[in-house]
C-alpha atoms as a PDB file:
ATOM      1  CA  MET A   1      -4.895  22.514 -12.190  1.00  0.00           C
ATOM      2  CA  ASN A   2      -4.270  23.003 -16.072  1.00  0.00           C
ATOM      3  CA  PRO A   3      -4.197  20.157 -17.767  1.00  0.00           C
ATOM      4  CA  TYR A   4      -0.631  20.200 -19.195  1.00  0.00           C
ATOM      5  CA  THR A   5       0.621  21.504 -15.886  1.00  0.00           C
ATOM      6  CA  LEU A   6      -1.334  17.991 -14.447  1.00  0.00           C
ATOM      7  CA  ALA A   7       0.070  15.986 -17.604  1.00  0.00           C
ATOM      8  CA  PHE A   8       3.777  17.461 -17.079  1.00  0.00           C
ATOM      9  CA  MET A   9       3.550  16.853 -12.929  1.00  0.00           C
ATOM     10  CA  SER A  10       2.020  13.276 -13.691  1.00  0.00           C
ATOM     11  CA  SER A  11       5.179  12.771 -15.820  1.00  0.00           C
ATOM     12  CA  MET A  12       7.504  13.327 -13.036  1.00  0.00           C
ATOM     13  CA  VAL A  13       5.959  11.138 -10.960  1.00  0.00           C
ATOM     14  CA  ILE A  14       6.438   8.482 -13.248  1.00  0.00           C
ATOM     15  CA  THR A  15       9.904   9.084 -14.415  1.00  0.00           C
ATOM     16  CA  GLY A  16      10.928   9.347 -10.881  1.00  0.00           C
ATOM     17  CA  THR A  17       9.863   6.222 -10.067  1.00  0.00           C
ATOM     18  CA  VAL A  18      10.971   4.379 -12.927  1.00  0.00           C
ATOM     19  CA  ILE A  19      14.983   6.249 -12.902  1.00  0.00           C
ATOM     20  CA  VAL A  20      14.710   4.453  -9.560  1.00  0.00           C
ATOM     21  CA  LEU A  21      13.553   1.351 -10.440  1.00  0.00           C
ATOM     22  CA  SER A  22      16.901   1.356 -12.891  1.00  0.00           C
ATOM     23  CA  ALA A  23      19.250   2.818 -11.203  1.00  0.00           C
ATOM     24  CA  SER A  24      22.355   1.338  -9.373  1.00  0.00           C
ATOM     25  CA  HIS A  25      24.116   4.703  -8.180  1.00  0.00           C
ATOM     26  CA  TRP A  26      22.598   5.964  -4.510  1.00  0.00           C
ATOM     27  CA  LEU A  27      23.441   9.806  -5.622  1.00  0.00           C
ATOM     28  CA  LEU A  28      20.707   8.812  -8.542  1.00  0.00           C
ATOM     29  CA  ALA A  29      18.045   6.908  -6.658  1.00  0.00           C
ATOM     30  CA  TRP A  30      17.713  10.084  -3.899  1.00  0.00           C
ATOM     31  CA  VAL A  31      17.358  12.310  -6.995  1.00  0.00           C
ATOM     32  CA  ALA A  32      14.675  10.258  -8.416  1.00  0.00           C
ATOM     33  CA  LEU A  33      13.215   9.860  -5.128  1.00  0.00           C
ATOM     34  CA  GLU A  34      13.465  14.093  -5.088  1.00  0.00           C
ATOM     35  CA  LEU A  35      11.787  14.256  -7.926  1.00  0.00           C
ATOM     36  CA  ASN A  36       8.653  12.332  -7.263  1.00  0.00           C
ATOM     37  CA  THR A  37       8.326  13.579  -3.945  1.00  0.00           C
ATOM     38  CA  MET A  38       8.522  17.296  -5.146  1.00  0.00           C
ATOM     39  CA  ALA A  39       6.238  16.657  -8.502  1.00  0.00           C
ATOM     40  CA  ILE A  40       3.601  15.315  -6.439  1.00  0.00           C
ATOM     41  CA  LEU A  41       3.081  17.723  -3.561  1.00  0.00           C
ATOM     42  CA  PRO A  42       0.948  19.888  -6.109  1.00  0.00           C
ATOM     43  CA  LEU A  43      -1.168  17.024  -7.316  1.00  0.00           C
ATOM     44  CA  LEU A  44      -1.808  16.186  -3.552  1.00  0.00           C
ATOM     45  CA  THR A  45      -2.784  20.027  -3.577  1.00  0.00           C
ATOM     46  CA  GLN A  46      -4.709  20.561  -6.581  1.00  0.00           C
ATOM     47  CA  THR A  47      -8.318  20.934  -5.054  1.00  0.00           C
ATOM     48  CA  HIS A  48      -7.315  23.860  -2.440  1.00  0.00           C
ATOM     49  CA  THR A  49      -8.890  22.831   0.429  1.00  0.00           C
ATOM     50  CA  PRO A  50      -7.191  23.349   4.313  1.00  0.00           C
ATOM     51  CA  ARG A  51      -7.256  19.491   4.310  1.00  0.00           C
ATOM     52  CA  THR A  52      -4.760  18.452   1.588  1.00  0.00           C
ATOM     53  CA  THR A  53      -2.511  21.523   2.736  1.00  0.00           C
ATOM     54  CA  GLU A  54      -2.286  19.733   5.950  1.00  0.00           C
ATOM     55  CA  SER A  55      -1.585  16.592   3.952  1.00  0.00           C
ATOM     56  CA  ALA A  56       0.800  17.542   1.738  1.00  0.00           C
ATOM     57  CA  THR A  57       2.516  19.376   4.091  1.00  0.00           C
ATOM     58  CA  LYS A  58       2.975  16.059   6.481  1.00  0.00           C
ATOM     59  CA  TYR A  59       4.073  14.067   3.529  1.00  0.00           C
ATOM     60  CA  PHE A  60       6.685  16.997   2.557  1.00  0.00           C
ATOM     61  CA  LEU A  61       7.861  17.077   5.989  1.00  0.00           C
ATOM     62  CA  ILE A  62       8.656  13.035   6.498  1.00  0.00           C
ATOM     63  CA  GLN A  63       9.094  12.019   2.274  1.00  0.00           C
ATOM     64  CA  THR A  64      12.144  15.201   3.347  1.00  0.00           C
ATOM     65  CA  ALA A  65      13.545  12.979   6.711  1.00  0.00           C
ATOM     66  CA  ALA A  66      13.678  10.298   4.981  1.00  0.00           C
ATOM     67  CA  SER A  67      15.350  10.854   2.414  1.00  0.00           C
ATOM     68  CA  THR A  68      17.797  13.196   4.575  1.00  0.00           C
ATOM     69  CA  VAL A  69      18.590  10.483   6.286  1.00  0.00           C
ATOM     70  CA  LEU A  70      19.230   8.050   3.366  1.00  0.00           C
ATOM     71  CA  LEU A  71      21.014  10.664   2.145  1.00  0.00           C
ATOM     72  CA  PHE A  72      23.271  11.052   4.651  1.00  0.00           C
ATOM     73  CA  THR A  73      23.657   6.695   4.883  1.00  0.00           C
ATOM     74  CA  SER A  74      24.600   6.423   1.472  1.00  0.00           C
ATOM     75  CA  THR A  75      27.048   9.463   2.439  1.00  0.00           C
ATOM     76  CA  THR A  76      29.052   7.788   5.156  1.00  0.00           C
ATOM     77  CA  ASN A  77      28.936   4.266   3.092  1.00  0.00           C
ATOM     78  CA  ALA A  78      30.656   6.068  -0.137  1.00  0.00           C
ATOM     79  CA  TRP A  79      33.111   8.151   2.149  1.00  0.00           C
ATOM     80  CA  LEU A  80      33.837   4.157   4.114  1.00  0.00           C
ATOM     81  CA  THR A  81      34.111   2.192   1.393  1.00  0.00           C
ATOM     82  CA  ASN A  82      34.843   4.560  -1.474  1.00  0.00           C
ATOM     83  CA  GLN A  83      31.843   3.452  -3.429  1.00  0.00           C
ATOM     84  CA  TRP A  84      28.153   4.090  -4.305  1.00  0.00           C
ATOM     85  CA  ALA A  85      26.757   1.050  -5.486  1.00  0.00           C
ATOM     86  CA  ILE A  86      22.929   0.365  -4.169  1.00  0.00           C
ATOM     87  CA  ASN A  87      23.886  -3.553  -3.341  1.00  0.00           C
ATOM     88  CA  GLN A  88      27.425  -2.663  -1.791  1.00  0.00           C
ATOM     89  CA  LEU A  89      26.294  -1.248   1.568  1.00  0.00           C
ATOM     90  CA  THR A  90      28.779  -3.450   3.905  1.00  0.00           C
ATOM     91  CA  THR A  91      28.556  -1.925   7.290  1.00  0.00           C
ATOM     92  CA  HIS A  92      25.585  -3.311   9.755  1.00  0.00           C
ATOM     93  CA  PRO A  93      24.951   0.673  10.932  1.00  0.00           C
ATOM     94  CA  THR A  94      24.455   1.864   6.992  1.00  0.00           C
ATOM     95  CA  ASN A  95      22.480  -1.367   6.573  1.00  0.00           C
ATOM     96  CA  THR A  96      19.988  -0.652   9.316  1.00  0.00           C
ATOM     97  CA  MET A  97      19.953   3.275   8.888  1.00  0.00           C
ATOM     98  CA  MET A  98      19.038   2.801   4.945  1.00  0.00           C
ATOM     99  CA  ALA A  99      16.577   0.040   5.707  1.00  0.00           C
ATOM    100  CA  LEU A 100      14.458   2.783   8.700  1.00  0.00           C
ATOM    101  CA  ALA A 101      14.903   4.978   5.835  1.00  0.00           C
ATOM    102  CA  LEU A 102      13.075   3.620   3.061  1.00  0.00           C
ATOM    103  CA  LEU A 103      10.740   1.506   5.519  1.00  0.00           C
ATOM    104  CA  THR A 104       9.390   5.145   6.719  1.00  0.00           C
ATOM    105  CA  LYS A 105       8.907   6.573   3.008  1.00  0.00           C
ATOM    106  CA  LEU A 106       6.842   2.997   2.936  1.00  0.00           C
ATOM    107  CA  GLY A 107       4.955   3.805   6.343  1.00  0.00           C
ATOM    108  CA  ILE A 108       5.890   0.343   7.741  1.00  0.00           C
ATOM    109  CA  ALA A 109       5.288   0.524  11.782  1.00  0.00           C
ATOM    110  CA  PRO A 110       6.474   2.499  13.986  1.00  0.00           C
ATOM    111  CA  MET A 111       7.299   5.083  11.257  1.00  0.00           C
ATOM    112  CA  HIS A 112       3.736   4.505   9.915  1.00  0.00           C
ATOM    113  CA  ALA A 113       1.733   7.608  11.673  1.00  0.00           C
ATOM    114  CA  TRP A 114       2.023   9.837   9.085  1.00  0.00           C
ATOM    115  CA  LEU A 115       0.399   7.085   6.654  1.00  0.00           C
ATOM    116  CA  PRO A 116      -3.691   7.337   7.630  1.00  0.00           C
ATOM    117  CA  GLU A 117      -3.340  11.177   8.196  1.00  0.00           C
ATOM    118  CA  VAL A 118      -2.042  11.670   4.920  1.00  0.00           C
ATOM    119  CA  MET A 119      -4.204   9.808   2.842  1.00  0.00           C
ATOM    120  CA  GLN A 120      -7.629  10.399   5.008  1.00  0.00           C
ATOM    121  CA  GLY A 121      -6.682  14.551   4.049  1.00  0.00           C
ATOM    122  CA  ALA A 122      -6.107  13.533  -0.066  1.00  0.00           C
ATOM    123  CA  THR A 123      -8.685  13.056  -2.520  1.00  0.00           C
ATOM    124  CA  THR A 124      -9.509   9.519  -3.567  1.00  0.00           C
ATOM    125  CA  THR A 125      -7.408   9.858  -6.561  1.00  0.00           C
ATOM    126  CA  MET A 126      -4.549  10.634  -4.721  1.00  0.00           C
ATOM    127  CA  ALA A 127      -5.124   8.247  -1.997  1.00  0.00           C
ATOM    128  CA  MET A 128      -4.699   5.466  -4.588  1.00  0.00           C
ATOM    129  CA  ILE A 129      -1.863   6.986  -6.127  1.00  0.00           C
ATOM    130  CA  MET A 130      -0.516   7.176  -2.686  1.00  0.00           C
ATOM    131  CA  ALA A 131      -1.185   3.333  -1.746  1.00  0.00           C
ATOM    132  CA  THR A 132      -0.384   2.251  -4.727  1.00  0.00           C
ATOM    133  CA  TRP A 133       2.446   3.668  -7.091  1.00  0.00           C
ATOM    134  CA  GLN A 134       4.121   5.601  -4.164  1.00  0.00           C
ATOM    135  CA  LYS A 135       4.642   2.387  -2.706  1.00  0.00           C
ATOM    136  CA  ILE A 136       6.972   1.178  -5.540  1.00  0.00           C
ATOM    137  CA  ALA A 137      10.031   3.348  -5.346  1.00  0.00           C
ATOM    138  CA  PRO A 138      10.932   2.727  -1.755  1.00  0.00           C
ATOM    139  CA  PHE A 139      10.332  -1.096  -2.001  1.00  0.00           C
ATOM    140  CA  ILE A 140      12.419  -1.675  -4.923  1.00  0.00           C
ATOM    141  CA  LEU A 141      15.433  -0.207  -3.447  1.00  0.00           C
ATOM    142  CA  LEU A 142      14.463  -1.628   0.116  1.00  0.00           C
ATOM    143  CA  TYR A 143      14.362  -5.551  -2.125  1.00  0.00           C
ATOM    144  CA  THR A 144      17.784  -4.230  -3.422  1.00  0.00           C
ATOM    145  CA  ILE A 145      19.763  -4.231   0.013  1.00  0.00           C
ATOM    146  CA  SER A 146      17.506  -6.971   1.400  1.00  0.00           C
ATOM    147  CA  ASN A 147      20.592  -8.957   1.104  1.00  0.00           C
ATOM    148  CA  ASN A 148      22.852  -6.849   2.961  1.00  0.00           C
ATOM    149  CA  THR A 149      19.995  -5.843   5.708  1.00  0.00           C
ATOM    150  CA  TYR A 150      19.339  -8.476   8.549  1.00  0.00           C
ATOM    151  CA  THR A 151      16.454 -10.483   9.765  1.00  0.00           C
ATOM    152  CA  THR A 152      16.734  -8.723  13.110  1.00  0.00           C
ATOM    153  CA  VAL A 153      15.928  -5.797  11.886  1.00  0.00           C
ATOM    154  CA  LEU A 154      12.766  -6.636   9.342  1.00  0.00           C
ATOM    155  CA  MET A 155      11.205  -9.305  11.240  1.00  0.00           C
ATOM    156  CA  PRO A 156       9.949  -7.829  13.738  1.00  0.00           C
ATOM    157  CA  LEU A 157       8.602  -4.630  11.482  1.00  0.00           C
ATOM    158  CA  ALA A 158       6.674  -7.089  10.009  1.00  0.00           C
ATOM    159  CA  LEU A 159       5.538  -8.368  12.739  1.00  0.00           C
ATOM    160  CA  LEU A 160       4.692  -5.022  14.621  1.00  0.00           C
ATOM    161  CA  SER A 161       2.946  -3.758  11.050  1.00  0.00           C
ATOM    162  CA  THR A 162       0.881  -6.446  10.651  1.00  0.00           C
ATOM    163  CA  ILE A 163      -0.416  -6.080  14.088  1.00  0.00           C
ATOM    164  CA  LEU A 164      -0.679  -2.711  13.973  1.00  0.00           C
ATOM    165  CA  GLY A 165      -1.945  -2.095  10.349  1.00  0.00           C
ATOM    166  CA  GLY A 166      -5.247  -4.142  11.974  1.00  0.00           C
ATOM    167  CA  TRP A 167      -5.884  -3.101  15.323  1.00  0.00           C
ATOM    168  CA  GLY A 168      -5.602   0.805  14.002  1.00  0.00           C
ATOM    169  CA  GLY A 169      -8.302   0.246  11.426  1.00  0.00           C
ATOM    170  CA  LEU A 170     -10.780  -1.484  13.979  1.00  0.00           C
ATOM    171  CA  ASN A 171     -12.139   1.845  15.426  1.00  0.00           C
ATOM    172  CA  GLN A 172     -12.234   3.572  11.829  1.00  0.00           C
ATOM    173  CA  THR A 173     -15.415   5.001  10.175  1.00  0.00           C
ATOM    174  CA  GLN A 174     -13.496   6.719   6.836  1.00  0.00           C
ATOM    175  CA  VAL A 175     -12.875   3.622   4.453  1.00  0.00           C
ATOM    176  CA  ARG A 176      -9.411   5.900   2.968  1.00  0.00           C
ATOM    177  CA  LYS A 177      -8.188   5.705   6.708  1.00  0.00           C
ATOM    178  CA  MET A 178      -8.704   2.123   6.642  1.00  0.00           C
ATOM    179  CA  MET A 179      -6.832   1.626   3.906  1.00  0.00           C
ATOM    180  CA  ALA A 180      -4.137   3.529   5.180  1.00  0.00           C
ATOM    181  CA  PHE A 181      -3.718   0.552   7.843  1.00  0.00           C
ATOM    182  CA  SER A 182      -4.476  -2.109   5.435  1.00  0.00           C
ATOM    183  CA  SER A 183      -1.516  -1.111   3.607  1.00  0.00           C
ATOM    184  CA  ILE A 184       1.088  -0.670   6.563  1.00  0.00           C
ATOM    185  CA  ALA A 185      -0.686  -4.585   7.177  1.00  0.00           C
ATOM    186  CA  HIS A 186      -0.167  -5.923   3.661  1.00  0.00           C
ATOM    187  CA  LEU A 187       3.297  -4.377   3.547  1.00  0.00           C
ATOM    188  CA  GLY A 188       4.038  -5.824   6.782  1.00  0.00           C
ATOM    189  CA  TRP A 189       3.781  -8.907   4.729  1.00  0.00           C
ATOM    190  CA  ALA A 190       5.531  -8.125   1.850  1.00  0.00           C
ATOM    191  CA  ILE A 191       8.714  -7.292   3.808  1.00  0.00           C
ATOM    192  CA  ALA A 192       8.451 -10.285   6.151  1.00  0.00           C
ATOM    193  CA  THR A 193      10.509 -12.656   3.786  1.00  0.00           C
ATOM    194  CA  LEU A 194      12.592 -10.308   1.887  1.00  0.00           C
ATOM    195  CA  THR A 195      15.569 -11.624   3.410  1.00  0.00           C
ATOM    196  CA  PHE A 196      15.503 -15.246   2.046  1.00  0.00           C
ATOM    197  CA  ASN A 197      13.194 -15.035  -0.543  1.00  0.00           C
ATOM    198  CA  GLN A 198      13.593 -13.189  -3.485  1.00  0.00           C
ATOM    199  CA  THR A 199       9.926 -13.968  -4.853  1.00  0.00           C
ATOM    200  CA  LEU A 200       7.197 -13.522  -2.558  1.00  0.00           C
ATOM    201  CA  PRO A 201       7.837 -10.195  -1.644  1.00  0.00           C
ATOM    202  CA  LEU A 202       7.255  -9.028  -4.898  1.00  0.00           C
ATOM    203  CA  LEU A 203       4.286 -11.033  -5.287  1.00  0.00           C
ATOM    204  CA  ALA A 204       2.686  -9.806  -1.842  1.00  0.00           C
ATOM    205  CA  LEU A 205       3.324  -6.383  -3.316  1.00  0.00           C
ATOM    206  CA  ALA A 206       1.891  -6.828  -6.565  1.00  0.00           C
ATOM    207  CA  MET A 207      -1.575  -8.702  -5.208  1.00  0.00           C
ATOM    208  CA  TYR A 208      -1.628  -5.732  -3.183  1.00  0.00           C
ATOM    209  CA  ILE A 209      -1.494  -3.086  -5.184  1.00  0.00           C
ATOM    210  CA  ILE A 210      -4.102  -5.029  -7.761  1.00  0.00           C
ATOM    211  CA  MET A 211      -6.148  -5.299  -4.799  1.00  0.00           C
ATOM    212  CA  THR A 212      -6.232  -1.715  -3.896  1.00  0.00           C
ATOM    213  CA  LEU A 213      -6.516  -0.791  -7.458  1.00  0.00           C
ATOM    214  CA  SER A 214      -9.415  -2.177  -7.391  1.00  0.00           C
ATOM    215  CA  LEU A 215     -11.128  -0.941  -4.471  1.00  0.00           C
ATOM    216  CA  PHE A 216     -10.280   2.464  -4.916  1.00  0.00           C
ATOM    217  CA  SER A 217     -11.948   2.499  -8.525  1.00  0.00           C
ATOM    218  CA  ILE A 218     -15.129   1.109  -7.251  1.00  0.00           C
ATOM    219  CA  MET A 219     -15.090   4.042  -4.559  1.00  0.00           C
ATOM    220  CA  ARG A 220     -14.341   6.459  -7.203  1.00  0.00           C
ATOM    221  CA  THR A 221     -17.424   5.056  -9.162  1.00  0.00           C
ATOM    222  CA  THR A 222     -19.505   4.679  -6.275  1.00  0.00           C
ATOM    223  CA  HIS A 223     -18.271   7.861  -4.472  1.00  0.00           C
ATOM    224  CA  THR A 224     -17.373   6.165  -1.281  1.00  0.00           C
ATOM    225  CA  LYS A 225     -15.551   7.857   1.692  1.00  0.00           C
ATOM    226  CA  SER A 226     -17.055   6.543   4.980  1.00  0.00           C
ATOM    227  CA  ILE A 227     -19.119   2.993   5.808  1.00  0.00           C
ATOM    228  CA  LYS A 228     -22.363   4.979   5.745  1.00  0.00           C
ATOM    229  CA  ASP A 229     -21.576   5.815   1.820  1.00  0.00           C
ATOM    230  CA  THR A 230     -20.999   1.678   1.376  1.00  0.00           C
ATOM    231  CA  ALA A 231     -23.868   0.434   2.865  1.00  0.00           C
ATOM    232  CA  THR A 232     -26.103   2.796   0.152  1.00  0.00           C
ATOM    233  CA  ALA A 233     -23.945   2.136  -2.588  1.00  0.00           C
ATOM    234  CA  TRP A 234     -26.142  -0.365  -3.550  1.00  0.00           C
ATOM    235  CA  SER A 235     -29.109   2.219  -3.812  1.00  0.00           C
ATOM    236  CA  THR A 236     -27.120   3.841  -7.200  1.00  0.00           C
ATOM    237  CA  THR A 237     -24.444   0.961  -8.479  1.00  0.00           C
ATOM    238  CA  PRO A 238     -25.522  -2.756  -7.223  1.00  0.00           C
ATOM    239  CA  HIS A 239     -22.872  -4.502  -9.266  1.00  0.00           C
ATOM    240  CA  ALA A 240     -20.398  -2.092  -7.766  1.00  0.00           C
ATOM    241  CA  ALA A 241     -21.172  -3.030  -4.189  1.00  0.00           C
ATOM    242  CA  MET A 242     -21.005  -6.832  -5.176  1.00  0.00           C
ATOM    243  CA  MET A 243     -17.358  -6.470  -6.624  1.00  0.00           C
ATOM    244  CA  LEU A 244     -16.573  -3.811  -3.322  1.00  0.00           C
ATOM    245  CA  LEU A 245     -17.823  -7.112  -1.788  1.00  0.00           C
ATOM    246  CA  MET A 246     -15.344  -9.420  -3.099  1.00  0.00           C
ATOM    247  CA  THR A 247     -12.690  -7.216  -3.109  1.00  0.00           C
ATOM    248  CA  LEU A 248     -12.888  -6.642   0.654  1.00  0.00           C
ATOM    249  CA  LEU A 249     -12.735 -10.267   1.032  1.00  0.00           C
ATOM    250  CA  SER A 250      -9.769 -11.075  -1.251  1.00  0.00           C
ATOM    251  CA  LEU A 251      -8.137  -7.690   0.723  1.00  0.00           C
ATOM    252  CA  GLY A 252      -8.772 -10.203   4.113  1.00  0.00           C
ATOM    253  CA  GLY A 253      -7.342 -12.390   2.388  1.00  0.00           C
ATOM    254  CA  LEU A 254     -10.462 -15.223   2.437  1.00  0.00           C
ATOM    255  CA  PRO A 255     -10.475 -18.274  -0.018  1.00  0.00           C
ATOM    256  CA  PRO A 256     -10.785 -18.887  -2.676  1.00  0.00           C
ATOM    257  CA  LEU A 257      -9.898 -15.871  -3.470  1.00  0.00           C
ATOM    258  CA  SER A 258      -6.365 -14.037  -4.672  1.00  0.00           C
ATOM    259  CA  GLY A 259      -5.530 -12.283  -1.241  1.00  0.00           C
ATOM    260  CA  PHE A 260      -5.513 -15.679   0.116  1.00  0.00           C
ATOM    261  CA  MET A 261      -2.268 -16.974  -2.483  1.00  0.00           C
ATOM    262  CA  PRO A 262       0.333 -14.310  -0.841  1.00  0.00           C
ATOM    263  CA  LYS A 263      -0.754 -15.250   2.540  1.00  0.00           C
ATOM    264  CA  VAL A 264      -0.198 -19.016   2.517  1.00  0.00           C
ATOM    265  CA  LEU A 265       2.326 -18.743   0.366  1.00  0.00           C
ATOM    266  CA  ILE A 266       4.656 -16.354   2.898  1.00  0.00           C
ATOM    267  CA  MET A 267       3.355 -18.437   5.865  1.00  0.00           C
ATOM    268  CA  LYS A 268       5.145 -21.586   4.583  1.00  0.00           C
ATOM    269  CA  ASP A 269       7.688 -19.889   3.410  1.00  0.00           C
ATOM    270  CA  LEU A 270       8.485 -18.682   7.124  1.00  0.00           C
ATOM    271  CA  VAL A 271       7.479 -21.894   8.425  1.00  0.00           C
ATOM    272  CA  ASP A 272      10.037 -23.709   5.951  1.00  0.00           C
ATOM    273  CA  THR A 273      13.130 -21.168   7.414  1.00  0.00           C
ATOM    274  CA  ASN A 274      12.174 -21.983  10.842  1.00  0.00           C
ATOM    275  CA  PHE A 275      10.031 -18.846  11.925  1.00  0.00           C
ATOM    276  CA  ALA A 276       6.957 -20.794  12.921  1.00  0.00           C
ATOM    277  CA  PHE A 277       6.341 -18.312  15.405  1.00  0.00           C
ATOM    278  CA  THR A 278       6.459 -15.575  13.752  1.00  0.00           C
ATOM    279  CA  ALA A 279       4.079 -17.131  11.291  1.00  0.00           C
ATOM    280  CA  THR A 280       1.420 -18.083  13.503  1.00  0.00           C
ATOM    281  CA  ALA A 281       1.642 -14.709  15.193  1.00  0.00           C
ATOM    282  CA  MET A 282       1.353 -13.097  11.715  1.00  0.00           C
ATOM    283  CA  ALA A 283      -1.860 -15.084  10.722  1.00  0.00           C
ATOM    284  CA  LEU A 284      -3.728 -13.981  14.684  1.00  0.00           C
ATOM    285  CA  ALA A 285      -2.983 -10.333  13.574  1.00  0.00           C
ATOM    286  CA  SER A 286      -4.773 -10.510  10.323  1.00  0.00           C
ATOM    287  CA  LEU A 287      -7.788 -11.285  11.677  1.00  0.00           C
ATOM    288  CA  LEU A 288      -7.475  -7.722  13.213  1.00  0.00           C
ATOM    289  CA  SER A 289      -7.624  -6.544   9.455  1.00  0.00           C
ATOM    290  CA  LEU A 290     -10.012  -8.927   8.303  1.00  0.00           C
ATOM    291  CA  ALA A 291     -12.496  -7.840  11.570  1.00  0.00           C
ATOM    292  CA  PHE A 292     -12.721  -4.399   9.614  1.00  0.00           C
ATOM    293  CA  TYR A 293     -13.229  -5.503   6.070  1.00  0.00           C
ATOM    294  CA  VAL A 294     -15.569  -8.242   7.081  1.00  0.00           C
ATOM    295  CA  ARG A 295     -17.376  -4.445   8.736  1.00  0.00           C
ATOM    296  CA  LEU A 296     -17.308  -3.414   5.670  1.00  0.00           C
ATOM    297  CA  ALA A 297     -18.412  -6.134   3.866  1.00  0.00           C
ATOM    298  CA  TYR A 298     -21.417  -6.338   6.304  1.00  0.00           C
ATOM    299  CA  SER A 299     -22.369  -3.169   5.522  1.00  0.00           C
ATOM    300  CA  THR A 300     -22.147  -3.072   1.599  1.00  0.00           C
ATOM    301  CA  SER A 301     -24.362  -6.383   1.273  1.00  0.00           C
ATOM    302  CA  LEU A 302     -25.816  -7.019   4.300  1.00  0.00           C
ATOM    303  CA  THR A 303     -27.656  -3.912   4.596  1.00  0.00           C
ATOM    304  CA  ILE A 304     -29.759  -3.919   1.115  1.00  0.00           C
ATOM    305  CA  ALA A 305     -33.214  -3.838   0.339  1.00  0.00           C
ATOM    306  CA  PRO A 306     -35.656  -5.340   2.111  1.00  0.00           C
ATOM    307  CA  MET A 307     -33.667  -5.035   5.233  1.00  0.00           C
ATOM    308  CA  THR A 308     -34.934  -1.642   7.105  1.00  0.00           C
ATOM    309  CA  THR A 309     -32.433   1.353   7.054  1.00  0.00           C
ATOM    310  CA  THR A 310     -31.937   5.258   8.610  1.00  0.00           C
ATOM    311  CA  MET A 311     -29.924   6.255   6.388  1.00  0.00           C
ATOM    312  CA  LYS A 312     -30.628   8.713   3.370  1.00  0.00           C
ATOM    313  CA  MET A 313     -30.603   6.540  -0.081  1.00  0.00           C
ATOM    314  CA  ASN A 314     -28.681   8.148  -3.012  1.00  0.00           C
ATOM    315  CA  TRP A 315     -30.570   8.619  -6.386  1.00  0.00           C
ATOM    316  CA  ARG A 316     -30.134   6.065  -9.224  1.00  0.00           C
ATOM    317  CA  LEU A 317     -27.083   7.753 -11.385  1.00  0.00           C
ATOM    318  CA  PRO A 318     -25.126   6.945 -14.025  1.00  0.00           C
ATOM    319  CA  PRO A 319     -21.474   6.160 -12.900  1.00  0.00           C
ATOM    320  CA  ASN A 320     -19.797   9.076 -15.108  1.00  0.00           C
ATOM    321  CA  HIS A 321     -16.006   6.918 -14.549  1.00  0.00           C
ATOM    322  CA  HIS A 322     -14.527   4.357 -17.626  1.00  0.00           C
ATOM    323  CA  THR A 323     -15.033   0.868 -15.963  1.00  0.00           C
ATOM    324  CA  LEU A 324     -12.959  -1.156 -17.946  1.00  0.00           C
ATOM    325  CA  HIS A 325      -9.849  -0.669 -15.468  1.00  0.00           C
ATOM    326  CA  THR A 326     -12.828  -1.300 -12.655  1.00  0.00           C
ATOM    327  CA  ALA A 327     -13.638  -4.609 -14.562  1.00  0.00           C
ATOM    328  CA  THR A 328      -9.975  -5.737 -15.117  1.00  0.00           C
ATOM    329  CA  THR A 329      -8.704  -5.154 -11.439  1.00  0.00           C
ATOM    330  CA  THR A 330     -11.206  -6.597  -9.511  1.00  0.00           C
ATOM    331  CA  THR A 331     -11.218  -9.499 -12.195  1.00  0.00           C
ATOM    332  CA  LEU A 332      -7.637  -9.909 -10.772  1.00  0.00           C
ATOM    333  CA  ALA A 333      -8.286  -9.693  -7.126  1.00  0.00           C
ATOM    334  CA  THR A 334     -10.588 -11.927  -6.843  1.00  0.00           C
ATOM    335  CA  MET A 335      -9.905 -15.214  -9.366  1.00  0.00           C
ATOM    336  CA  LEU A 336      -5.940 -15.748  -9.644  1.00  0.00           C
ATOM    337  CA  LEU A 337      -5.997 -18.865  -6.802  1.00  0.00           C
ATOM    338  CA  PRO A 338      -6.276 -20.966  -8.971  1.00  0.00           C
ATOM    339  CA  LEU A 339      -2.963 -19.738 -11.155  1.00  0.00           C
ATOM    340  CA  THR A 340      -1.051 -19.606  -8.182  1.00  0.00           C
ATOM    341  CA  PRO A 341       1.335 -23.018  -9.343  1.00  0.00           C
ATOM    342  CA  LEU A 342       1.530 -21.309 -12.996  1.00  0.00           C
ATOM    343  CA  ILE A 343       2.863 -17.912 -11.095  1.00  0.00           C
ATOM    344  CA  THR A 344       4.789 -19.626  -8.491  1.00  0.00           C
ATOM    345  CA  ALA A 345       6.806 -21.534 -11.255  1.00  0.00           C
ATOM    346  CA  TYR A 346       8.386 -18.079 -12.350  1.00  0.00           C
END
């Protein structure tokens, strides 16, 4: 792709998200979401392969369907209430349909089946964008209307997402599909306390984005696409393999790594608000996600020399990527737990 075209499309993706963050009018938010979607489609297909074309087509159809529901619901709400303000939804059907449209854009279960296929067909860089940046705009809109959305709508979907996100990743061999199911599970944790806590959902989303950026940055450095690639990464970049191990364990939520922070705070908040059963079920469901994280961690660290392996080793080549952002995100993804009191104080 022409560098000027790439820069233009990338700026449009960023602009669409920024407009959503500052919008207070449903029609403006819808236009910004459409701008974001239309701009990212050429980026998804820039490699010109059948898989990327299929991925972009699926993404376009799902996002268009969700945007249509969002526009219809906001128009219906304006017809009933004579206003377009985002934070002024009043009727229960309007709240529910709007939340379901945004949850579809986020890839929350049971509207999640498109996300693994889209991320698997995209390149590693575009899969990283799909799992991080593209979650911000729908999540902020959902966060804005959360005061008008009933807990009975979001809580079952949050629990279902943590279960299906962990279950779906168990039998995968492609890392991008695993990260798609990881996204489903982590966003289930993020929306669990959305209706009665205004801080923890943003903290959970921020920590998920940091950990996912770290993992994808390491994947780009080591050219990792499958479990077999993680088992041979140590032969080219041993330090990156170690960072990959730590990031995977942090994604699994193991202490003393940063990924433990949002999960323990969310479980405490659920117990304090009389959702002890939901907190217990989500904690048990997170064991499913931990299983495939540990599986990747095992292939990353416990197959190195002097263990014998039948897989073909790669030549030791210098990485051709900048490593500053990888070092920064990996540090944040593994060492923020001691700062939990400071972070939660604001």
